Amino acid sequence: MKRLSEIAITSLLVVTALCALTLPAAAQAPAPPPLPPVKKFKAADADNHNILINKPGQITLLLGTNQDSQDAARAAGQAVYPFRGRADFDLVVVVDLRDSIASWAPSIVLAEMRSNLDKEAIGLKPYFLQNGNKSNPRNSSHVIADFTGTICPDLGWPKHSDDLRGILFGGDGREIKRWEKIEDMTQLQAEVRAAIEAFDKATVVKANAAAKTQGSKLTQPPSPPRPLPPVTPPPKSN
């Protein structure tokens, strides 16, 4: 009798397994839809270098400013000074000069932008060194002048605004946050910092998973992301 019960249970398990294997695809959990391709935003900066704004492999803060929000843009840029020079962060500034007098003399405007970047690079040097970067900060300073609407509409800014705007791009180049008016520089710094921390953690997890997969083939473990600097109160915009 006991032997018959064991046979019956075994048969039931086999039948259950076969039913699970033969279930129609519609009855199974649907796979999540694939993400759309990442839209790439490219433009020429003040140095006439064609750059990819939302470059993958790092967190990118894009600031959209104009002649009326220059002070706020300067404060926002200073708020993220502690992150400058890191391999996991970049700052790009787009200056909206559509329908501006500046569009009458673009060469003069671009020359002034380059001069300002030269001066700012001197103040950025200590932050680069603090983040282990000995390169010239000037090479990583990107300001884009939009005289005719070649980039602002693509970024979702079809109309001119007197407010400082911003977009935060993740490590995959996708937009993770957008600001139509940036006023709180402390909050801005905190959100950028949180994005960098999340990106670094995901990078470590991915590297560890790759190391387990490669096993003995991995000749050198990847270097962990550099620790973020202490929180510093950013300056207030006027």
C-alpha atoms as a PDB file:
ATOM      1  CA  MET A   1       0.000   0.000   0.000  1.00  0.00           C
ATOM      2  CA  LYS A   2       2.799   2.373   0.906  1.00  0.00           C
ATOM      3  CA  ARG A   3       4.548   1.526  -2.358  1.00  0.00           C
ATOM      4  CA  LEU A   4       1.399   2.396  -4.351  1.00  0.00           C
ATOM      5  CA  SER A   5       1.114   5.784  -2.578  1.00  0.00           C
ATOM      6  CA  GLU A   6       4.699   6.644  -3.466  1.00  0.00           C
ATOM      7  CA  ILE A   7       4.064   5.757  -7.110  1.00  0.00           C
ATOM      8  CA  ALA A   8       0.914   7.890  -7.179  1.00  0.00           C
ATOM      9  CA  ILE A   9       2.709  10.932  -5.710  1.00  0.00           C
ATOM     10  CA  THR A  10       5.568  10.544  -8.160  1.00  0.00           C
ATOM     11  CA  SER A  11       3.159  10.333 -11.083  1.00  0.00           C
ATOM     12  CA  LEU A  12       1.335  13.443  -9.898  1.00  0.00           C
ATOM     13  CA  LEU A  13       4.587  15.414  -9.710  1.00  0.00           C
ATOM     14  CA  VAL A  14       5.552  14.338 -13.220  1.00  0.00           C
ATOM     15  CA  VAL A  15       2.178  15.346 -14.617  1.00  0.00           C
ATOM     16  CA  THR A  16       2.376  18.742 -12.872  1.00  0.00           C
ATOM     17  CA  ALA A  17       5.819  19.388 -14.290  1.00  0.00           C
ATOM     18  CA  LEU A  18       4.704  18.459 -17.800  1.00  0.00           C
ATOM     19  CA  CYS A  19       1.705  20.766 -17.542  1.00  0.00           C
ATOM     20  CA  ALA A  20       3.953  23.633 -16.490  1.00  0.00           C
ATOM     21  CA  LEU A  21       6.203  23.031 -19.484  1.00  0.00           C
ATOM     22  CA  THR A  22       3.302  22.930 -21.928  1.00  0.00           C
ATOM     23  CA  LEU A  23       1.495  26.072 -20.699  1.00  0.00           C
ATOM     24  CA  PRO A  24       0.871  28.505 -23.555  1.00  0.00           C
ATOM     25  CA  ALA A  25       3.101  31.566 -23.668  1.00  0.00           C
ATOM     26  CA  ALA A  26       0.118  33.821 -22.995  1.00  0.00           C
ATOM     27  CA  ALA A  27      -0.331  32.261 -19.548  1.00  0.00           C
ATOM     28  CA  GLN A  28       3.220  33.077 -18.536  1.00  0.00           C
ATOM     29  CA  ALA A  29       4.360  36.441 -17.167  1.00  0.00           C
ATOM     30  CA  PRO A  30       5.064  38.782 -20.095  1.00  0.00           C
ATOM     31  CA  ALA A  31       8.607  40.038 -20.485  1.00  0.00           C
ATOM     32  CA  PRO A  32       9.078  43.770 -19.856  1.00  0.00           C
ATOM     33  CA  PRO A  33       9.123  45.822 -23.080  1.00  0.00           C
ATOM     34  CA  PRO A  34      12.591  46.882 -24.237  1.00  0.00           C
ATOM     35  CA  LEU A  35      13.633  50.454 -23.535  1.00  0.00           C
ATOM     36  CA  PRO A  36      13.649  52.800 -26.517  1.00  0.00           C
ATOM     37  CA  PRO A  37      17.049  53.753 -27.909  1.00  0.00           C
ATOM     38  CA  VAL A  38      18.830  56.540 -26.054  1.00  0.00           C
ATOM     39  CA  LYS A  39      18.501  59.856 -27.850  1.00  0.00           C
ATOM     40  CA  LYS A  40      21.914  61.433 -28.277  1.00  0.00           C
ATOM     41  CA  PHE A  41      22.291  65.183 -27.944  1.00  0.00           C
ATOM     42  CA  LYS A  42      25.272  66.574 -29.834  1.00  0.00           C
ATOM     43  CA  ALA A  43      26.419  70.164 -30.252  1.00  0.00           C
ATOM     44  CA  ALA A  44      29.501  72.310 -30.839  1.00  0.00           C
ATOM     45  CA  ASP A  45      30.832  74.086 -27.747  1.00  0.00           C
ATOM     46  CA  ALA A  46      32.557  77.471 -27.511  1.00  0.00           C
ATOM     47  CA  ASP A  47      35.854  75.824 -28.488  1.00  0.00           C
ATOM     48  CA  ASN A  48      34.194  74.463 -31.649  1.00  0.00           C
ATOM     49  CA  HIS A  49      34.468  70.920 -30.316  1.00  0.00           C
ATOM     50  CA  ASN A  50      31.585  68.623 -31.179  1.00  0.00           C
ATOM     51  CA  ILE A  51      30.550  66.989 -27.916  1.00  0.00           C
ATOM     52  CA  LEU A  52      28.006  64.400 -26.843  1.00  0.00           C
ATOM     53  CA  ILE A  53      26.043  66.055 -24.051  1.00  0.00           C
ATOM     54  CA  ASN A  54      24.517  62.923 -22.498  1.00  0.00           C
ATOM     55  CA  LYS A  55      27.659  60.822 -22.637  1.00  0.00           C
ATOM     56  CA  PRO A  56      27.119  57.323 -21.172  1.00  0.00           C
ATOM     57  CA  GLY A  57      29.272  56.081 -18.311  1.00  0.00           C
ATOM     58  CA  GLN A  58      28.824  59.152 -16.134  1.00  0.00           C
ATOM     59  CA  ILE A  59      26.256  61.456 -14.555  1.00  0.00           C
ATOM     60  CA  THR A  60      25.839  64.668 -16.547  1.00  0.00           C
ATOM     61  CA  LEU A  61      24.251  67.879 -15.319  1.00  0.00           C
ATOM     62  CA  LEU A  62      23.095  70.112 -18.139  1.00  0.00           C
ATOM     63  CA  LEU A  63      22.298  73.720 -17.244  1.00  0.00           C
ATOM     64  CA  GLY A  64      20.212  75.860 -19.562  1.00  0.00           C
ATOM     65  CA  THR A  65      20.821  79.540 -19.003  1.00  0.00           C
ATOM     66  CA  ASN A  66      20.635  82.926 -20.713  1.00  0.00           C
ATOM     67  CA  GLN A  67      21.607  86.527 -20.096  1.00  0.00           C
ATOM     68  CA  ASP A  68      18.923  86.935 -17.407  1.00  0.00           C
ATOM     69  CA  SER A  69      19.899  83.855 -15.370  1.00  0.00           C
ATOM     70  CA  GLN A  70      23.683  84.174 -15.447  1.00  0.00           C
ATOM     71  CA  ASP A  71      23.990  84.675 -11.682  1.00  0.00           C
ATOM     72  CA  ALA A  72      21.894  81.581 -10.979  1.00  0.00           C
ATOM     73  CA  ALA A  73      23.919  79.578 -13.494  1.00  0.00           C
ATOM     74  CA  ARG A  74      27.147  80.674 -11.838  1.00  0.00           C
ATOM     75  CA  ALA A  75      25.815  79.630  -8.417  1.00  0.00           C
ATOM     76  CA  ALA A  76      24.646  76.271  -9.774  1.00  0.00           C
ATOM     77  CA  GLY A  77      28.032  75.651 -11.344  1.00  0.00           C
ATOM     78  CA  GLN A  78      29.772  76.442  -8.065  1.00  0.00           C
ATOM     79  CA  ALA A  79      27.380  74.130  -6.226  1.00  0.00           C
ATOM     80  CA  VAL A  80      28.776  71.164  -8.153  1.00  0.00           C
ATOM     81  CA  TYR A  81      32.427  72.262  -7.972  1.00  0.00           C
ATOM     82  CA  PRO A  82      33.157  69.451  -5.456  1.00  0.00           C
ATOM     83  CA  PHE A  83      32.220  66.889  -8.133  1.00  0.00           C
ATOM     84  CA  ARG A  84      34.265  68.401 -10.960  1.00  0.00           C
ATOM     85  CA  GLY A  85      37.153  66.314 -12.187  1.00  0.00           C
ATOM     86  CA  ARG A  86      35.524  63.026 -11.240  1.00  0.00           C
ATOM     87  CA  ALA A  87      35.289  60.304 -13.867  1.00  0.00           C
ATOM     88  CA  ASP A  88      31.627  59.756 -12.984  1.00  0.00           C
ATOM     89  CA  PHE A  89      30.416  63.355 -13.414  1.00  0.00           C
ATOM     90  CA  ASP A  90      30.385  66.101 -16.007  1.00  0.00           C
ATOM     91  CA  LEU A  91      28.822  69.549 -16.345  1.00  0.00           C
ATOM     92  CA  VAL A  92      27.626  71.062 -19.604  1.00  0.00           C
ATOM     93  CA  VAL A  93      26.110  74.541 -19.959  1.00  0.00           C
ATOM     94  CA  VAL A  94      23.862  75.648 -22.813  1.00  0.00           C
ATOM     95  CA  VAL A  95      23.381  79.395 -23.221  1.00  0.00           C
ATOM     96  CA  ASP A  96      20.128  80.270 -24.962  1.00  0.00           C
ATOM     97  CA  LEU A  97      20.858  83.292 -27.168  1.00  0.00           C
ATOM     98  CA  ARG A  98      17.908  82.997 -29.525  1.00  0.00           C
ATOM     99  CA  ASP A  99      16.501  86.401 -30.473  1.00  0.00           C
ATOM    100  CA  SER A 100      19.312  88.046 -28.533  1.00  0.00           C
ATOM    101  CA  ILE A 101      21.544  90.951 -29.496  1.00  0.00           C
ATOM    102  CA  ALA A 102      24.431  88.534 -28.900  1.00  0.00           C
ATOM    103  CA  SER A 103      23.433  86.698 -32.067  1.00  0.00           C
ATOM    104  CA  TRP A 104      24.580  89.730 -34.065  1.00  0.00           C
ATOM    105  CA  ALA A 105      28.223  89.141 -33.129  1.00  0.00           C
ATOM    106  CA  PRO A 106      28.670  85.431 -32.363  1.00  0.00           C
ATOM    107  CA  SER A 107      32.460  85.498 -32.715  1.00  0.00           C
ATOM    108  CA  ILE A 108      32.758  88.149 -29.981  1.00  0.00           C
ATOM    109  CA  VAL A 109      30.390  86.230 -27.693  1.00  0.00           C
ATOM    110  CA  LEU A 110      32.279  82.962 -28.179  1.00  0.00           C
ATOM    111  CA  ALA A 111      35.602  84.686 -27.497  1.00  0.00           C
ATOM    112  CA  GLU A 112      34.236  86.051 -24.229  1.00  0.00           C
ATOM    113  CA  MET A 113      32.951  82.593 -23.273  1.00  0.00           C
ATOM    114  CA  ARG A 114      36.371  81.060 -23.869  1.00  0.00           C
ATOM    115  CA  SER A 115      38.006  83.795 -21.800  1.00  0.00           C
ATOM    116  CA  ASN A 116      35.615  83.141 -18.904  1.00  0.00           C
ATOM    117  CA  LEU A 117      36.288  79.408 -19.107  1.00  0.00           C
ATOM    118  CA  ASP A 118      40.037  80.067 -18.969  1.00  0.00           C
ATOM    119  CA  LYS A 119      39.578  82.039 -15.744  1.00  0.00           C
ATOM    120  CA  GLU A 120      37.226  79.479 -14.201  1.00  0.00           C
ATOM    121  CA  ALA A 121      39.678  76.652 -14.920  1.00  0.00           C
ATOM    122  CA  ILE A 122      42.135  78.204 -12.466  1.00  0.00           C
ATOM    123  CA  GLY A 123      39.599  78.035  -9.651  1.00  0.00           C
ATOM    124  CA  LEU A 124      38.616  74.495 -10.581  1.00  0.00           C
ATOM    125  CA  LYS A 125      42.141  73.094 -10.313  1.00  0.00           C
ATOM    126  CA  PRO A 126      41.983  72.370  -6.531  1.00  0.00           C
ATOM    127  CA  TYR A 127      38.753  70.429  -6.982  1.00  0.00           C
ATOM    128  CA  PHE A 128      40.239  68.372  -9.785  1.00  0.00           C
ATOM    129  CA  LEU A 129      43.254  67.526  -7.628  1.00  0.00           C
ATOM    130  CA  GLN A 130      41.000  66.656  -4.691  1.00  0.00           C
ATOM    131  CA  ASN A 131      39.227  64.181  -6.958  1.00  0.00           C
ATOM    132  CA  GLY A 132      42.498  62.667  -8.133  1.00  0.00           C
ATOM    133  CA  ASN A 133      42.464  64.350 -11.524  1.00  0.00           C
ATOM    134  CA  LYS A 134      45.706  66.083 -12.548  1.00  0.00           C
ATOM    135  CA  SER A 135      44.518  67.147 -15.991  1.00  0.00           C
ATOM    136  CA  ASN A 136      43.769  70.712 -17.035  1.00  0.00           C
ATOM    137  CA  PRO A 137      40.169  71.588 -16.019  1.00  0.00           C
ATOM    138  CA  ARG A 138      39.892  73.749 -19.102  1.00  0.00           C
ATOM    139  CA  ASN A 139      39.814  70.631 -21.273  1.00  0.00           C
ATOM    140  CA  SER A 140      36.663  69.466 -19.471  1.00  0.00           C
ATOM    141  CA  SER A 141      34.792  72.792 -19.538  1.00  0.00           C
ATOM    142  CA  HIS A 142      31.973  72.851 -22.080  1.00  0.00           C
ATOM    143  CA  VAL A 143      29.693  75.805 -22.806  1.00  0.00           C
ATOM    144  CA  ILE A 144      27.375  75.698 -25.816  1.00  0.00           C
ATOM    145  CA  ALA A 145      25.998  78.881 -27.338  1.00  0.00           C
ATOM    146  CA  ASP A 146      22.674  78.401 -29.095  1.00  0.00           C
ATOM    147  CA  PHE A 147      22.210  81.401 -31.376  1.00  0.00           C
ATOM    148  CA  THR A 148      19.622  79.969 -33.757  1.00  0.00           C
ATOM    149  CA  GLY A 149      17.778  77.211 -31.859  1.00  0.00           C
ATOM    150  CA  THR A 150      19.945  74.318 -32.993  1.00  0.00           C
ATOM    151  CA  ILE A 151      19.978  72.513 -29.615  1.00  0.00           C
ATOM    152  CA  CYS A 152      17.471  74.041 -27.149  1.00  0.00           C
ATOM    153  CA  PRO A 153      14.334  72.706 -28.878  1.00  0.00           C
ATOM    154  CA  ASP A 154      15.871  69.212 -29.034  1.00  0.00           C
ATOM    155  CA  LEU A 155      16.387  69.405 -25.277  1.00  0.00           C
ATOM    156  CA  GLY A 156      12.703  70.140 -24.728  1.00  0.00           C
ATOM    157  CA  TRP A 157      13.068  73.905 -24.482  1.00  0.00           C
ATOM    158  CA  PRO A 158      11.193  75.211 -27.527  1.00  0.00           C
ATOM    159  CA  LYS A 159      10.672  78.631 -25.980  1.00  0.00           C
ATOM    160  CA  HIS A 160      13.020  81.096 -24.323  1.00  0.00           C
ATOM    161  CA  SER A 161      12.913  81.315 -20.513  1.00  0.00           C
ATOM    162  CA  ASP A 162      14.416  83.790 -18.059  1.00  0.00           C
ATOM    163  CA  ASP A 163      14.772  81.001 -15.479  1.00  0.00           C
ATOM    164  CA  LEU A 164      17.720  78.674 -15.001  1.00  0.00           C
ATOM    165  CA  ARG A 165      16.713  75.247 -16.283  1.00  0.00           C
ATOM    166  CA  GLY A 166      18.435  71.913 -15.996  1.00  0.00           C
ATOM    167  CA  ILE A 167      18.458  68.267 -17.009  1.00  0.00           C
ATOM    168  CA  LEU A 168      20.198  65.427 -15.169  1.00  0.00           C
ATOM    169  CA  PHE A 169      21.288  62.496 -17.321  1.00  0.00           C
ATOM    170  CA  GLY A 170      22.042  59.066 -15.867  1.00  0.00           C
ATOM    171  CA  GLY A 171      24.909  56.716 -16.572  1.00  0.00           C
ATOM    172  CA  ASP A 172      23.080  55.271 -19.576  1.00  0.00           C
ATOM    173  CA  GLY A 173      22.539  58.696 -21.126  1.00  0.00           C
ATOM    174  CA  ARG A 174      18.832  58.789 -20.288  1.00  0.00           C
ATOM    175  CA  GLU A 175      17.170  61.716 -18.578  1.00  0.00           C
ATOM    176  CA  ILE A 176      16.491  61.054 -14.902  1.00  0.00           C
ATOM    177  CA  LYS A 177      15.373  64.517 -13.767  1.00  0.00           C
ATOM    178  CA  ARG A 178      14.394  67.859 -15.237  1.00  0.00           C
ATOM    179  CA  TRP A 179      14.098  71.292 -13.662  1.00  0.00           C
ATOM    180  CA  GLU A 180      12.162  74.133 -15.258  1.00  0.00           C
ATOM    181  CA  LYS A 181      13.415  76.567 -12.616  1.00  0.00           C
ATOM    182  CA  ILE A 182      16.461  75.957 -10.420  1.00  0.00           C
ATOM    183  CA  GLU A 183      16.471  78.099  -7.296  1.00  0.00           C
ATOM    184  CA  ASP A 184      17.677  75.933  -4.399  1.00  0.00           C
ATOM    185  CA  MET A 185      21.363  75.225  -4.973  1.00  0.00           C
ATOM    186  CA  THR A 186      21.610  73.108  -1.833  1.00  0.00           C
ATOM    187  CA  GLN A 187      18.874  70.833  -3.145  1.00  0.00           C
ATOM    188  CA  LEU A 188      20.514  70.756  -6.566  1.00  0.00           C
ATOM    189  CA  GLN A 189      23.832  69.672  -5.060  1.00  0.00           C
ATOM    190  CA  ALA A 190      22.094  66.984  -2.981  1.00  0.00           C
ATOM    191  CA  GLU A 191      20.245  65.538  -5.975  1.00  0.00           C
ATOM    192  CA  VAL A 192      23.361  65.452  -8.142  1.00  0.00           C
ATOM    193  CA  ARG A 193      25.282  63.815  -5.309  1.00  0.00           C
ATOM    194  CA  ALA A 194      22.555  61.183  -4.868  1.00  0.00           C
ATOM    195  CA  ALA A 195      22.627  60.413  -8.595  1.00  0.00           C
ATOM    196  CA  ILE A 196      26.407  59.953  -8.526  1.00  0.00           C
ATOM    197  CA  GLU A 197      26.177  57.685  -5.471  1.00  0.00           C
ATOM    198  CA  ALA A 198      23.496  55.520  -7.101  1.00  0.00           C
ATOM    199  CA  PHE A 199      25.519  55.289 -10.313  1.00  0.00           C
ATOM    200  CA  ASP A 200      28.692  54.321  -8.427  1.00  0.00           C
ATOM    201  CA  LYS A 201      26.865  51.620  -6.459  1.00  0.00           C
ATOM    202  CA  ALA A 202      25.407  50.157  -9.640  1.00  0.00           C
ATOM    203  CA  THR A 203      28.859  50.233 -11.230  1.00  0.00           C
ATOM    204  CA  VAL A 204      30.337  48.275  -8.307  1.00  0.00           C
ATOM    205  CA  VAL A 205      27.545  45.688  -8.439  1.00  0.00           C
ATOM    206  CA  LYS A 206      28.043  45.242 -12.168  1.00  0.00           C
ATOM    207  CA  ALA A 207      31.812  44.917 -11.782  1.00  0.00           C
ATOM    208  CA  ASN A 208      31.447  42.315  -9.033  1.00  0.00           C
ATOM    209  CA  ALA A 209      29.001  40.304 -11.133  1.00  0.00           C
ATOM    210  CA  ALA A 210      31.407  40.428 -14.079  1.00  0.00           C
ATOM    211  CA  ALA A 211      34.265  39.305 -11.844  1.00  0.00           C
ATOM    212  CA  LYS A 212      32.291  36.267 -10.707  1.00  0.00           C
ATOM    213  CA  THR A 213      31.435  35.389 -14.296  1.00  0.00           C
ATOM    214  CA  GLN A 214      35.002  35.712 -15.555  1.00  0.00           C
ATOM    215  CA  GLY A 215      36.513  33.875 -12.621  1.00  0.00           C
ATOM    216  CA  SER A 216      40.218  33.244 -13.034  1.00  0.00           C
ATOM    217  CA  LYS A 217      40.229  35.090 -16.379  1.00  0.00           C
ATOM    218  CA  LEU A 218      39.979  38.401 -14.533  1.00  0.00           C
ATOM    219  CA  THR A 219      43.588  39.530 -14.261  1.00  0.00           C
ATOM    220  CA  GLN A 220      42.984  42.736 -12.319  1.00  0.00           C
ATOM    221  CA  PRO A 221      39.931  43.763 -10.280  1.00  0.00           C
ATOM    222  CA  PRO A 222      38.345  47.060 -11.348  1.00  0.00           C
ATOM    223  CA  SER A 223      39.157  50.094  -9.224  1.00  0.00           C
ATOM    224  CA  PRO A 224      36.234  51.164  -7.013  1.00  0.00           C
ATOM    225  CA  PRO A 225      34.760  54.635  -7.617  1.00  0.00           C
ATOM    226  CA  ARG A 226      36.498  57.427  -5.753  1.00  0.00           C
ATOM    227  CA  PRO A 227      34.665  58.400  -2.520  1.00  0.00           C
ATOM    228  CA  LEU A 228      32.570  61.530  -2.825  1.00  0.00           C
ATOM    229  CA  PRO A 229      33.908  64.634  -1.033  1.00  0.00           C
ATOM    230  CA  PRO A 230      32.219  65.909   2.118  1.00  0.00           C
ATOM    231  CA  VAL A 231      29.054  67.941   1.686  1.00  0.00           C
ATOM    232  CA  THR A 232      29.808  71.658   1.379  1.00  0.00           C
ATOM    233  CA  PRO A 233      27.176  74.421   1.469  1.00  0.00           C
ATOM    234  CA  PRO A 234      26.908  75.882  -2.022  1.00  0.00           C
ATOM    235  CA  PRO A 235      26.742  79.655  -2.552  1.00  0.00           C
ATOM    236  CA  LYS A 236      23.365  81.309  -2.802  1.00  0.00           C
ATOM    237  CA  SER A 237      22.234  82.828  -6.070  1.00  0.00           C
ATOM    238  CA  ASN A 238      21.176  86.467  -6.160  1.00  0.00           C
END
